[in-house]
Amino acid sequence: MSSPNSAYPDTPDSETPPRRHEWPLWEIFIRGQHGMSHRHVGSLHAPDAEMAIKNARDVYTRRNEGVSIWAVEARHIAASSPSEKGPLYEPSESKVYRHPTFYDIPEDVGAM
């Protein structure tokens, strides 16, 4: 008769089977051929950054639409809460010099 843990021969019957290790979650950003910035396109699991970029290339750039890929481990991303929007952005409203309406941008500058 086989024991309940026969799939895990090194585990005694009284212990639960070991948990499977899950790869970390990576957030993927791609810069398009005609774009100036990277855009979030999705998430995937991978063991390391190199494999995350290779998998992102296969999953998110099948038609050669990307020229650059960023892979950021999700646990390293810090985000503000939408409920903190008011207190977080209110100080910038009093600094009108930050708005580009005061500056004339020469035409030869191009995309800015």
PDB file of N, CA and C in Angstrom:
ATOM      1  N   MET A   1       0.844  -1.163   0.000  1.00  0.00           N
ATOM      2  CA  MET A   1       0.000   0.000   0.000  1.00  0.00           C
ATOM      3  C   MET A   1       0.893   1.230   0.000  1.00  0.00           C
ATOM      4  N   SER A   2       0.578   2.220  -0.834  1.00  0.00           N
ATOM      5  CA  SER A   2       1.400   3.425  -0.897  1.00  0.00           C
ATOM      6  C   SER A   2       0.943   4.425   0.155  1.00  0.00           C
ATOM      7  N   SER A   3       1.890   5.193   0.628  1.00  0.00           N
ATOM      8  CA  SER A   3       1.566   6.195   1.644  1.00  0.00           C
ATOM      9  C   SER A   3       0.948   7.417   0.971  1.00  0.00           C
ATOM     10  N   PRO A   4       0.269   8.280   1.719  1.00  0.00           N
ATOM     11  CA  PRO A   4      -0.335   9.472   1.126  1.00  0.00           C
ATOM     12  C   PRO A   4       0.693  10.412   0.514  1.00  0.00           C
ATOM     13  N   ASN A   5       1.937  10.328   0.959  1.00  0.00           N
ATOM     14  CA  ASN A   5       2.988  11.200   0.431  1.00  0.00           C
ATOM     15  C   ASN A   5       3.942  10.446  -0.481  1.00  0.00           C
ATOM     16  N   SER A   6       3.465   9.468  -1.217  1.00  0.00           N
ATOM     17  CA  SER A   6       4.352   8.673  -2.061  1.00  0.00           C
ATOM     18  C   SER A   6       4.993   9.503  -3.169  1.00  0.00           C
ATOM     19  N   ALA A   7       4.398  10.627  -3.519  1.00  0.00           N
ATOM     20  CA  ALA A   7       5.003  11.492  -4.526  1.00  0.00           C
ATOM     21  C   ALA A   7       6.217  12.215  -3.970  1.00  0.00           C
ATOM     22  N   TYR A   8       6.313  12.260  -2.618  1.00  0.00           N
ATOM     23  CA  TYR A   8       7.429  12.907  -1.952  1.00  0.00           C
ATOM     24  C   TYR A   8       8.093  11.879  -1.041  1.00  0.00           C
ATOM     25  N   PRO A   9       8.970  11.035  -1.586  1.00  0.00           N
ATOM     26  CA  PRO A   9       9.514   9.930  -0.807  1.00  0.00           C
ATOM     27  C   PRO A   9      10.334  10.350   0.413  1.00  0.00           C
ATOM     28  N   ASP A  10      10.910  11.556   0.416  1.00  0.00           N
ATOM     29  CA  ASP A  10      11.717  11.989   1.552  1.00  0.00           C
ATOM     30  C   ASP A  10      10.883  12.647   2.652  1.00  0.00           C
ATOM     31  N   THR A  11       9.581  12.742   2.454  1.00  0.00           N
ATOM     32  CA  THR A  11       8.710  13.407   3.414  1.00  0.00           C
ATOM     33  C   THR A  11       7.962  12.364   4.231  1.00  0.00           C
ATOM     34  N   PRO A  12       8.104  12.417   5.554  1.00  0.00           N
ATOM     35  CA  PRO A  12       7.333  11.483   6.383  1.00  0.00           C
ATOM     36  C   PRO A  12       5.841  11.744   6.234  1.00  0.00           C
ATOM     37  N   ASP A  13       5.050  10.735   6.523  1.00  0.00           N
ATOM     38  CA  ASP A  13       3.599  10.851   6.377  1.00  0.00           C
ATOM     39  C   ASP A  13       2.998  11.965   7.230  1.00  0.00           C
ATOM     40  N   SER A  14       3.619  12.307   8.333  1.00  0.00           N
ATOM     41  CA  SER A  14       3.044  13.302   9.226  1.00  0.00           C
ATOM     42  C   SER A  14       3.270  14.733   8.738  1.00  0.00           C
ATOM     43  N   GLU A  15       4.195  14.944   7.803  1.00  0.00           N
ATOM     44  CA  GLU A  15       4.473  16.293   7.305  1.00  0.00           C
ATOM     45  C   GLU A  15       3.699  16.569   6.027  1.00  0.00           C
ATOM     46  N   THR A  16       3.458  17.830   5.785  1.00  0.00           N
ATOM     47  CA  THR A  16       2.805  18.208   4.527  1.00  0.00           C
ATOM     48  C   THR A  16       3.852  18.265   3.432  1.00  0.00           C
ATOM     49  N   PRO A  17       3.456  18.063   2.209  1.00  0.00           N
ATOM     50  CA  PRO A  17       4.416  18.109   1.096  1.00  0.00           C
ATOM     51  C   PRO A  17       5.041  19.498   0.987  1.00  0.00           C
ATOM     52  N   PRO A  18       6.274  19.594   0.506  1.00  0.00           N
ATOM     53  CA  PRO A  18       6.909  20.904   0.369  1.00  0.00           C
ATOM     54  C   PRO A  18       6.172  21.752  -0.656  1.00  0.00           C
ATOM     55  N   ARG A  19       6.172  23.066  -0.413  1.00  0.00           N
ATOM     56  CA  ARG A  19       5.523  23.977  -1.355  1.00  0.00           C
ATOM     57  C   ARG A  19       6.412  24.157  -2.578  1.00  0.00           C
ATOM     58  N   ARG A  20       5.788  24.299  -3.705  1.00  0.00           N
ATOM     59  CA  ARG A  20       6.534  24.553  -4.931  1.00  0.00           C
ATOM     60  C   ARG A  20       7.053  25.981  -4.923  1.00  0.00           C
ATOM     61  N   HIS A  21       8.252  26.164  -5.415  1.00  0.00           N
ATOM     62  CA  HIS A  21       8.847  27.502  -5.490  1.00  0.00           C
ATOM     63  C   HIS A  21       8.277  28.231  -6.705  1.00  0.00           C
ATOM     64  N   GLU A  22       7.782  29.430  -6.488  1.00  0.00           N
ATOM     65  CA  GLU A  22       7.226  30.219  -7.590  1.00  0.00           C
ATOM     66  C   GLU A  22       8.225  31.300  -7.986  1.00  0.00           C
ATOM     67  N   TRP A  23       8.439  31.466  -9.290  1.00  0.00           N
ATOM     68  CA  TRP A  23       9.348  32.495  -9.783  1.00  0.00           C
ATOM     69  C   TRP A  23       8.782  33.869  -9.483  1.00  0.00           C
ATOM     70  N   PRO A  24       9.650  34.868  -9.334  1.00  0.00           N
ATOM     71  CA  PRO A  24       9.168  36.221  -9.047  1.00  0.00           C
ATOM     72  C   PRO A  24       8.402  36.814 -10.237  1.00  0.00           C
ATOM     73  N   LEU A  25       7.546  37.765  -9.922  1.00  0.00           N
ATOM     74  CA  LEU A  25       6.752  38.459 -10.932  1.00  0.00           C
ATOM     75  C   LEU A  25       7.556  39.645 -11.459  1.00  0.00           C
ATOM     76  N   TRP A  26       7.580  39.804 -12.775  1.00  0.00           N
ATOM     77  CA  TRP A  26       8.294  40.899 -13.434  1.00  0.00           C
ATOM     78  C   TRP A  26       7.286  41.750 -14.199  1.00  0.00           C
ATOM     79  N   GLU A  27       7.420  43.063 -14.085  1.00  0.00           N
ATOM     80  CA  GLU A  27       6.604  43.992 -14.866  1.00  0.00           C
ATOM     81  C   GLU A  27       7.414  44.356 -16.102  1.00  0.00           C
ATOM     82  N   ILE A  28       6.756  44.334 -17.263  1.00  0.00           N
ATOM     83  CA  ILE A  28       7.450  44.518 -18.531  1.00  0.00           C
ATOM     84  C   ILE A  28       7.043  45.845 -19.170  1.00  0.00           C
ATOM     85  N   PHE A  29       8.067  46.596 -19.596  1.00  0.00           N
ATOM     86  CA  PHE A  29       7.871  47.876 -20.276  1.00  0.00           C
ATOM     87  C   PHE A  29       8.588  47.804 -21.619  1.00  0.00           C
ATOM     88  N   ILE A  30       7.924  48.279 -22.679  1.00  0.00           N
ATOM     89  CA  ILE A  30       8.517  48.215 -24.015  1.00  0.00           C
ATOM     90  C   ILE A  30       8.479  49.594 -24.660  1.00  0.00           C
ATOM     91  N   ARG A  31       9.578  49.940 -25.300  1.00  0.00           N
ATOM     92  CA  ARG A  31       9.640  51.180 -26.071  1.00  0.00           C
ATOM     93  C   ARG A  31       9.410  50.828 -27.525  1.00  0.00           C
ATOM     94  N   GLY A  32       8.397  51.431 -28.117  1.00  0.00           N
ATOM     95  CA  GLY A  32       8.062  51.162 -29.510  1.00  0.00           C
ATOM     96  C   GLY A  32       9.039  51.817 -30.464  1.00  0.00           C
ATOM     97  N   GLN A  33       8.997  51.418 -31.713  1.00  0.00           N
ATOM     98  CA  GLN A  33       9.917  51.942 -32.718  1.00  0.00           C
ATOM     99  C   GLN A  33       9.760  53.440 -32.931  1.00  0.00           C
ATOM    100  N   HIS A  34       8.555  53.945 -32.768  1.00  0.00           N
ATOM    101  CA  HIS A  34       8.319  55.367 -33.020  1.00  0.00           C
ATOM    102  C   HIS A  34       8.086  56.139 -31.731  1.00  0.00           C
ATOM    103  N   GLY A  35       8.286  55.511 -30.610  1.00  0.00           N
ATOM    104  CA  GLY A  35       8.039  56.173 -29.332  1.00  0.00           C
ATOM    105  C   GLY A  35       9.310  56.669 -28.684  1.00  0.00           C
ATOM    106  N   MET A  36       9.128  57.578 -27.737  1.00  0.00           N
ATOM    107  CA  MET A  36      10.258  58.124 -27.006  1.00  0.00           C
ATOM    108  C   MET A  36      10.313  57.559 -25.585  1.00  0.00           C
ATOM    109  N   SER A  37       9.257  56.889 -25.160  1.00  0.00           N
ATOM    110  CA  SER A  37       9.221  56.390 -23.783  1.00  0.00           C
ATOM    111  C   SER A  37       8.772  54.933 -23.754  1.00  0.00           C
ATOM    112  N   HIS A  38       9.051  54.274 -22.654  1.00  0.00           N
ATOM    113  CA  HIS A  38       8.621  52.892 -22.462  1.00  0.00           C
ATOM    114  C   HIS A  38       7.185  52.879 -21.957  1.00  0.00           C
ATOM    115  N   ARG A  39       6.458  51.834 -22.307  1.00  0.00           N
ATOM    116  CA  ARG A  39       5.051  51.694 -21.938  1.00  0.00           C
ATOM    117  C   ARG A  39       4.868  50.327 -21.294  1.00  0.00           C
ATOM    118  N   HIS A  40       4.098  50.289 -20.199  1.00  0.00           N
ATOM    119  CA  HIS A  40       3.844  49.013 -19.525  1.00  0.00           C
ATOM    120  C   HIS A  40       2.961  48.155 -20.418  1.00  0.00           C
ATOM    121  N   VAL A  41       3.409  46.925 -20.683  1.00  0.00           N
ATOM    122  CA  VAL A  41       2.645  46.040 -21.562  1.00  0.00           C
ATOM    123  C   VAL A  41       2.112  44.807 -20.855  1.00  0.00           C
ATOM    124  N   GLY A  42       2.642  44.486 -19.679  1.00  0.00           N
ATOM    125  CA  GLY A  42       2.144  43.313 -18.971  1.00  0.00           C
ATOM    126  C   GLY A  42       3.120  42.805 -17.934  1.00  0.00           C
ATOM    127  N   SER A  43       2.816  41.627 -17.431  1.00  0.00           N
ATOM    128  CA  SER A  43       3.614  40.996 -16.383  1.00  0.00           C
ATOM    129  C   SER A  43       3.890  39.549 -16.757  1.00  0.00           C
ATOM    130  N   LEU A  44       4.959  39.004 -16.194  1.00  0.00           N
ATOM    131  CA  LEU A  44       5.260  37.585 -16.388  1.00  0.00           C
ATOM    132  C   LEU A  44       6.133  37.097 -15.243  1.00  0.00           C
ATOM    133  N   HIS A  45       6.196  35.799 -15.088  1.00  0.00           N
ATOM    134  CA  HIS A  45       7.046  35.176 -14.072  1.00  0.00           C
ATOM    135  C   HIS A  45       8.304  34.652 -14.754  1.00  0.00           C
ATOM    136  N   ALA A  46       9.452  34.874 -14.110  1.00  0.00           N
ATOM    137  CA  ALA A  46      10.730  34.386 -14.629  1.00  0.00           C
ATOM    138  C   ALA A  46      11.701  34.257 -13.457  1.00  0.00           C
ATOM    139  N   PRO A  47      12.712  33.368 -13.592  1.00  0.00           N
ATOM    140  CA  PRO A  47      13.649  33.172 -12.486  1.00  0.00           C
ATOM    141  C   PRO A  47      14.628  34.331 -12.288  1.00  0.00           C
ATOM    142  N   ASP A  48      14.942  35.083 -13.367  1.00  0.00           N
ATOM    143  CA  ASP A  48      15.884  36.189 -13.253  1.00  0.00           C
ATOM    144  C   ASP A  48      15.603  37.221 -14.345  1.00  0.00           C
ATOM    145  N   ALA A  49      16.339  38.337 -14.305  1.00  0.00           N
ATOM    146  CA  ALA A  49      16.101  39.442 -15.237  1.00  0.00           C
ATOM    147  C   ALA A  49      16.380  39.040 -16.681  1.00  0.00           C
ATOM    148  N   GLU A  50      17.431  38.290 -16.901  1.00  0.00           N
ATOM    149  CA  GLU A  50      17.778  37.879 -18.265  1.00  0.00           C
ATOM    150  C   GLU A  50      16.656  37.049 -18.890  1.00  0.00           C
ATOM    151  N   MET A  51      16.133  36.104 -18.140  1.00  0.00           N
ATOM    152  CA  MET A  51      15.054  35.264 -18.660  1.00  0.00           C
ATOM    153  C   MET A  51      13.761  36.077 -18.810  1.00  0.00           C
ATOM    154  N   ALA A  52      13.544  37.045 -17.922  1.00  0.00           N
ATOM    155  CA  ALA A  52      12.356  37.902 -18.032  1.00  0.00           C
ATOM    156  C   ALA A  52      12.392  38.689 -19.333  1.00  0.00           C
ATOM    157  N   ILE A  53      13.560  39.205 -19.702  1.00  0.00           N
ATOM    158  CA  ILE A  53      13.672  39.963 -20.952  1.00  0.00           C
ATOM    159  C   ILE A  53      13.482  39.050 -22.158  1.00  0.00           C
ATOM    160  N   LYS A  54      14.060  37.863 -22.109  1.00  0.00           N
ATOM    161  CA  LYS A  54      13.887  36.922 -23.229  1.00  0.00           C
ATOM    162  C   LYS A  54      12.426  36.503 -23.377  1.00  0.00           C
ATOM    163  N   ASN A  55      11.774  36.221 -22.260  1.00  0.00           N
ATOM    164  CA  ASN A  55      10.362  35.840 -22.327  1.00  0.00           C
ATOM    165  C   ASN A  55       9.496  37.013 -22.790  1.00  0.00           C
ATOM    166  N   ALA A  56       9.820  38.215 -22.327  1.00  0.00           N
ATOM    167  CA  ALA A  56       9.071  39.404 -22.744  1.00  0.00           C
ATOM    168  C   ALA A  56       9.218  39.623 -24.244  1.00  0.00           C
ATOM    169  N   ARG A  57      10.416  39.394 -24.761  1.00  0.00           N
ATOM    170  CA  ARG A  57      10.631  39.526 -26.206  1.00  0.00           C
ATOM    171  C   ARG A  57       9.712  38.575 -26.958  1.00  0.00           C
ATOM    172  N   ASP A  58       9.626  37.331 -26.493  1.00  0.00           N
ATOM    173  CA  ASP A  58       8.802  36.331 -27.176  1.00  0.00           C
ATOM    174  C   ASP A  58       7.308  36.608 -27.029  1.00  0.00           C
ATOM    175  N   VAL A  59       6.900  37.114 -25.871  1.00  0.00           N
ATOM    176  CA  VAL A  59       5.477  37.302 -25.606  1.00  0.00           C
ATOM    177  C   VAL A  59       4.953  38.637 -26.130  1.00  0.00           C
ATOM    178  N   TYR A  60       5.720  39.718 -25.940  1.00  0.00           N
ATOM    179  CA  TYR A  60       5.200  41.056 -26.198  1.00  0.00           C
ATOM    180  C   TYR A  60       5.741  41.741 -27.444  1.00  0.00           C
ATOM    181  N   THR A  61       6.716  41.168 -28.140  1.00  0.00           N
ATOM    182  CA  THR A  61       7.244  41.820 -29.351  1.00  0.00           C
ATOM    183  C   THR A  61       7.293  40.842 -30.512  1.00  0.00           C
ATOM    184  N   ARG A  62       6.211  40.157 -30.746  1.00  0.00           N
ATOM    185  CA  ARG A  62       6.195  39.133 -31.799  1.00  0.00           C
ATOM    186  C   ARG A  62       6.297  39.716 -33.202  1.00  0.00           C
ATOM    187  N   ARG A  63       5.915  40.976 -33.375  1.00  0.00           N
ATOM    188  CA  ARG A  63       5.931  41.577 -34.713  1.00  0.00           C
ATOM    189  C   ARG A  63       7.007  42.657 -34.835  1.00  0.00           C
ATOM    190  N   ASN A  64       8.062  42.520 -34.067  1.00  0.00           N
ATOM    191  CA  ASN A  64       9.192  43.459 -34.079  1.00  0.00           C
ATOM    192  C   ASN A  64       8.769  44.899 -33.800  1.00  0.00           C
ATOM    193  N   GLU A  65       7.763  45.087 -32.933  1.00  0.00           N
ATOM    194  CA  GLU A  65       7.311  46.440 -32.653  1.00  0.00           C
ATOM    195  C   GLU A  65       8.112  47.144 -31.564  1.00  0.00           C
ATOM    196  N   GLY A  66       9.003  46.447 -30.894  1.00  0.00           N
ATOM    197  CA  GLY A  66       9.763  47.066 -29.814  1.00  0.00           C
ATOM    198  C   GLY A  66      11.220  47.244 -30.154  1.00  0.00           C
ATOM    199  N   VAL A  67      11.845  48.280 -29.564  1.00  0.00           N
ATOM    200  CA  VAL A  67      13.277  48.491 -29.748  1.00  0.00           C
ATOM    201  C   VAL A  67      14.030  48.383 -28.427  1.00  0.00           C
ATOM    202  N   SER A  68      13.287  48.388 -27.306  1.00  0.00           N
ATOM    203  CA  SER A  68      13.918  48.292 -25.998  1.00  0.00           C
ATOM    204  C   SER A  68      12.937  47.674 -25.014  1.00  0.00           C
ATOM    205  N   ILE A  69      13.447  46.811 -24.140  1.00  0.00           N
ATOM    206  CA  ILE A  69      12.605  46.144 -23.138  1.00  0.00           C
ATOM    207  C   ILE A  69      13.177  46.414 -21.759  1.00  0.00           C
ATOM    208  N   TRP A  70      12.313  46.802 -20.852  1.00  0.00           N
ATOM    209  CA  TRP A  70      12.677  46.903 -19.436  1.00  0.00           C
ATOM    210  C   TRP A  70      11.923  45.823 -18.693  1.00  0.00           C
ATOM    211  N   ALA A  71      12.605  45.117 -17.811  1.00  0.00           N
ATOM    212  CA  ALA A  71      11.978  44.142 -16.923  1.00  0.00           C
ATOM    213  C   ALA A  71      12.305  44.563 -15.488  1.00  0.00           C
ATOM    214  N   VAL A  72      11.264  44.835 -14.714  1.00  0.00           N
ATOM    215  CA  VAL A  72      11.435  45.289 -13.340  1.00  0.00           C
ATOM    216  C   VAL A  72      10.730  44.310 -12.420  1.00  0.00           C
ATOM    217  N   GLU A  73      11.469  43.786 -11.457  1.00  0.00           N
ATOM    218  CA  GLU A  73      10.839  42.866 -10.516  1.00  0.00           C
ATOM    219  C   GLU A  73       9.766  43.630  -9.738  1.00  0.00           C
ATOM    220  N   ALA A  74       8.560  43.092  -9.721  1.00  0.00           N
ATOM    221  CA  ALA A  74       7.399  43.791  -9.168  1.00  0.00           C
ATOM    222  C   ALA A  74       7.603  44.208  -7.715  1.00  0.00           C
ATOM    223  N   ARG A  75       8.339  43.446  -6.949  1.00  0.00           N
ATOM    224  CA  ARG A  75       8.514  43.782  -5.534  1.00  0.00           C
ATOM    225  C   ARG A  75       9.346  45.045  -5.341  1.00  0.00           C
ATOM    226  N   HIS A  76      10.021  45.512  -6.379  1.00  0.00           N
ATOM    227  CA  HIS A  76      10.838  46.719  -6.286  1.00  0.00           C
ATOM    228  C   HIS A  76      10.088  47.982  -6.709  1.00  0.00           C
ATOM    229  N   ILE A  77       8.837  47.853  -7.082  1.00  0.00           N
ATOM    230  CA  ILE A  77       8.055  49.014  -7.514  1.00  0.00           C
ATOM    231  C   ILE A  77       7.297  49.568  -6.315  1.00  0.00           C
ATOM    232  N   ALA A  78       7.466  50.850  -6.095  1.00  0.00           N
ATOM    233  CA  ALA A  78       6.729  51.545  -5.035  1.00  0.00           C
ATOM    234  C   ALA A  78       5.694  52.436  -5.714  1.00  0.00           C
ATOM    235  N   ALA A  79       4.506  52.476  -5.160  1.00  0.00           N
ATOM    236  CA  ALA A  79       3.436  53.256  -5.769  1.00  0.00           C
ATOM    237  C   ALA A  79       2.669  54.033  -4.718  1.00  0.00           C
ATOM    238  N   SER A  80       2.148  55.168  -5.135  1.00  0.00           N
ATOM    239  CA  SER A  80       1.293  55.936  -4.227  1.00  0.00           C
ATOM    240  C   SER A  80      -0.127  55.396  -4.334  1.00  0.00           C
ATOM    241  N   SER A  81      -0.912  55.718  -3.345  1.00  0.00           N
ATOM    242  CA  SER A  81      -2.303  55.285  -3.325  1.00  0.00           C
ATOM    243  C   SER A  81      -3.181  56.370  -3.927  1.00  0.00           C
ATOM    244  N   PRO A  82      -4.179  55.997  -4.742  1.00  0.00           N
ATOM    245  CA  PRO A  82      -5.085  57.013  -5.289  1.00  0.00           C
ATOM    246  C   PRO A  82      -5.773  57.843  -4.205  1.00  0.00           C
ATOM    247  N   SER A  83      -5.946  57.272  -3.023  1.00  0.00           N
ATOM    248  CA  SER A  83      -6.587  58.015  -1.944  1.00  0.00           C
ATOM    249  C   SER A  83      -5.682  59.129  -1.407  1.00  0.00           C
ATOM    250  N   GLU A  84      -4.379  59.068  -1.697  1.00  0.00           N
ATOM    251  CA  GLU A  84      -3.436  60.091  -1.250  1.00  0.00           C
ATOM    252  C   GLU A  84      -3.203  61.163  -2.307  1.00  0.00           C
ATOM    253  N   LYS A  85      -3.996  61.153  -3.358  1.00  0.00           N
ATOM    254  CA  LYS A  85      -3.784  62.058  -4.479  1.00  0.00           C
ATOM    255  C   LYS A  85      -3.769  63.518  -4.045  1.00  0.00           C
ATOM    256  N   GLY A  86      -4.734  63.928  -3.252  1.00  0.00           N
ATOM    257  CA  GLY A  86      -4.808  65.324  -2.822  1.00  0.00           C
ATOM    258  C   GLY A  86      -3.574  65.788  -2.084  1.00  0.00           C
ATOM    259  N   PRO A  87      -3.250  65.191  -0.940  1.00  0.00           N
ATOM    260  CA  PRO A  87      -2.079  65.643  -0.174  1.00  0.00           C
ATOM    261  C   PRO A  87      -0.760  65.478  -0.931  1.00  0.00           C
ATOM    262  N   LEU A  88      -0.697  64.509  -1.826  1.00  0.00           N
ATOM    263  CA  LEU A  88       0.555  64.259  -2.536  1.00  0.00           C
ATOM    264  C   LEU A  88       0.832  65.320  -3.589  1.00  0.00           C
ATOM    265  N   TYR A  89      -0.207  65.771  -4.306  1.00  0.00           N
ATOM    266  CA  TYR A  89      -0.003  66.691  -5.420  1.00  0.00           C
ATOM    267  C   TYR A  89      -0.339  68.145  -5.122  1.00  0.00           C
ATOM    268  N   GLU A  90      -0.960  68.452  -4.001  1.00  0.00           N
ATOM    269  CA  GLU A  90      -1.327  69.830  -3.685  1.00  0.00           C
ATOM    270  C   GLU A  90      -0.135  70.783  -3.645  1.00  0.00           C
ATOM    271  N   PRO A  91       1.012  70.428  -3.080  1.00  0.00           N
ATOM    272  CA  PRO A  91       2.126  71.386  -3.025  1.00  0.00           C
ATOM    273  C   PRO A  91       2.579  71.877  -4.400  1.00  0.00           C
ATOM    274  N   SER A  92       2.442  71.074  -5.442  1.00  0.00           N
ATOM    275  CA  SER A  92       2.911  71.492  -6.762  1.00  0.00           C
ATOM    276  C   SER A  92       1.987  72.518  -7.417  1.00  0.00           C
ATOM    277  N   GLU A  93       0.744  72.628  -6.964  1.00  0.00           N
ATOM    278  CA  GLU A  93      -0.181  73.590  -7.561  1.00  0.00           C
ATOM    279  C   GLU A  93       0.242  75.028  -7.278  1.00  0.00           C
ATOM    280  N   SER A  94       0.958  75.275  -6.205  1.00  0.00           N
ATOM    281  CA  SER A  94       1.382  76.628  -5.871  1.00  0.00           C
ATOM    282  C   SER A  94       2.675  77.022  -6.588  1.00  0.00           C
ATOM    283  N   LYS A  95       3.230  76.142  -7.377  1.00  0.00           N
ATOM    284  CA  LYS A  95       4.494  76.421  -8.069  1.00  0.00           C
ATOM    285  C   LYS A  95       4.219  76.557  -9.564  1.00  0.00           C
ATOM    286  N   VAL A  96       3.662  77.715  -9.941  1.00  0.00           N
ATOM    287  CA  VAL A  96       3.239  77.914 -11.326  1.00  0.00           C
ATOM    288  C   VAL A  96       4.407  77.907 -12.300  1.00  0.00           C
ATOM    289  N   TYR A  97       5.612  78.195 -11.816  1.00  0.00           N
ATOM    290  CA  TYR A  97       6.769  78.201 -12.700  1.00  0.00           C
ATOM    291  C   TYR A  97       7.088  76.817 -13.255  1.00  0.00           C
ATOM    292  N   ARG A  98       6.487  75.791 -12.690  1.00  0.00           N
ATOM    293  CA  ARG A  98       6.722  74.434 -13.195  1.00  0.00           C
ATOM    294  C   ARG A  98       5.926  74.130 -14.454  1.00  0.00           C
ATOM    295  N   HIS A  99       4.947  74.937 -14.754  1.00  0.00           N
ATOM    296  CA  HIS A  99       4.132  74.717 -15.953  1.00  0.00           C
ATOM    297  C   HIS A  99       4.869  75.268 -17.174  1.00  0.00           C
ATOM    298  N   PRO A 100       4.887  74.543 -18.258  1.00  0.00           N
ATOM    299  CA  PRO A 100       5.670  74.958 -19.432  1.00  0.00           C
ATOM    300  C   PRO A 100       5.077  76.136 -20.200  1.00  0.00           C
ATOM    301  N   THR A 101       3.993  76.733 -19.708  1.00  0.00           N
ATOM    302  CA  THR A 101       3.374  77.852 -20.430  1.00  0.00           C
ATOM    303  C   THR A 101       4.246  79.104 -20.387  1.00  0.00           C
ATOM    304  N   PHE A 102       5.239  79.169 -19.512  1.00  0.00           N
ATOM    305  CA  PHE A 102       6.098  80.342 -19.393  1.00  0.00           C
ATOM    306  C   PHE A 102       7.314  80.283 -20.316  1.00  0.00           C
ATOM    307  N   TYR A 103       7.502  79.177 -20.998  1.00  0.00           N
ATOM    308  CA  TYR A 103       8.701  78.996 -21.792  1.00  0.00           C
ATOM    309  C   TYR A 103       8.359  78.870 -23.274  1.00  0.00           C
ATOM    310  N   ASP A 104       9.176  79.500 -24.103  1.00  0.00           N
ATOM    311  CA  ASP A 104       9.054  79.337 -25.547  1.00  0.00           C
ATOM    312  C   ASP A 104      10.045  78.269 -25.974  1.00  0.00           C
ATOM    313  N   ILE A 105       9.554  77.217 -26.593  1.00  0.00           N
ATOM    314  CA  ILE A 105      10.423  76.125 -27.014  1.00  0.00           C
ATOM    315  C   ILE A 105      10.737  76.315 -28.490  1.00  0.00           C
ATOM    316  N   PRO A 106      12.010  76.417 -28.844  1.00  0.00           N
ATOM    317  CA  PRO A 106      12.384  76.581 -30.253  1.00  0.00           C
ATOM    318  C   PRO A 106      11.924  75.389 -31.082  1.00  0.00           C
ATOM    319  N   GLU A 107      11.572  75.632 -32.320  1.00  0.00           N
ATOM    320  CA  GLU A 107      11.067  74.566 -33.195  1.00  0.00           C
ATOM    321  C   GLU A 107      12.123  73.497 -33.482  1.00  0.00           C
ATOM    322  N   ASP A 108      13.410  73.886 -33.487  1.00  0.00           N
ATOM    323  CA  ASP A 108      14.467  72.913 -33.806  1.00  0.00           C
ATOM    324  C   ASP A 108      14.743  71.941 -32.654  1.00  0.00           C
ATOM    325  N   VAL A 109      14.084  72.139 -31.500  1.00  0.00           N
ATOM    326  CA  VAL A 109      14.245  71.201 -30.378  1.00  0.00           C
ATOM    327  C   VAL A 109      13.623  69.864 -30.721  1.00  0.00           C
ATOM    328  N   GLY A 110      12.534  69.860 -31.445  1.00  0.00           N
ATOM    329  CA  GLY A 110      11.857  68.606 -31.808  1.00  0.00           C
ATOM    330  C   GLY A 110      10.981  68.083 -30.713  1.00  0.00           C
ATOM    331  N   ALA A 111      10.879  66.750 -30.605  1.00  0.00           N
ATOM    332  CA  ALA A 111      10.017  66.125 -29.618  1.00  0.00           C
ATOM    333  C   ALA A 111      10.539  66.394 -28.206  1.00  0.00           C
ATOM    334  N   MET A 112       9.656  66.850 -27.355  1.00  0.00           N
ATOM    335  CA  MET A 112      10.078  67.124 -25.983  1.00  0.00           C
ATOM    336  C   MET A 112       9.017  66.674 -25.033  1.00  0.00           C
TER     337      MET A 112
END
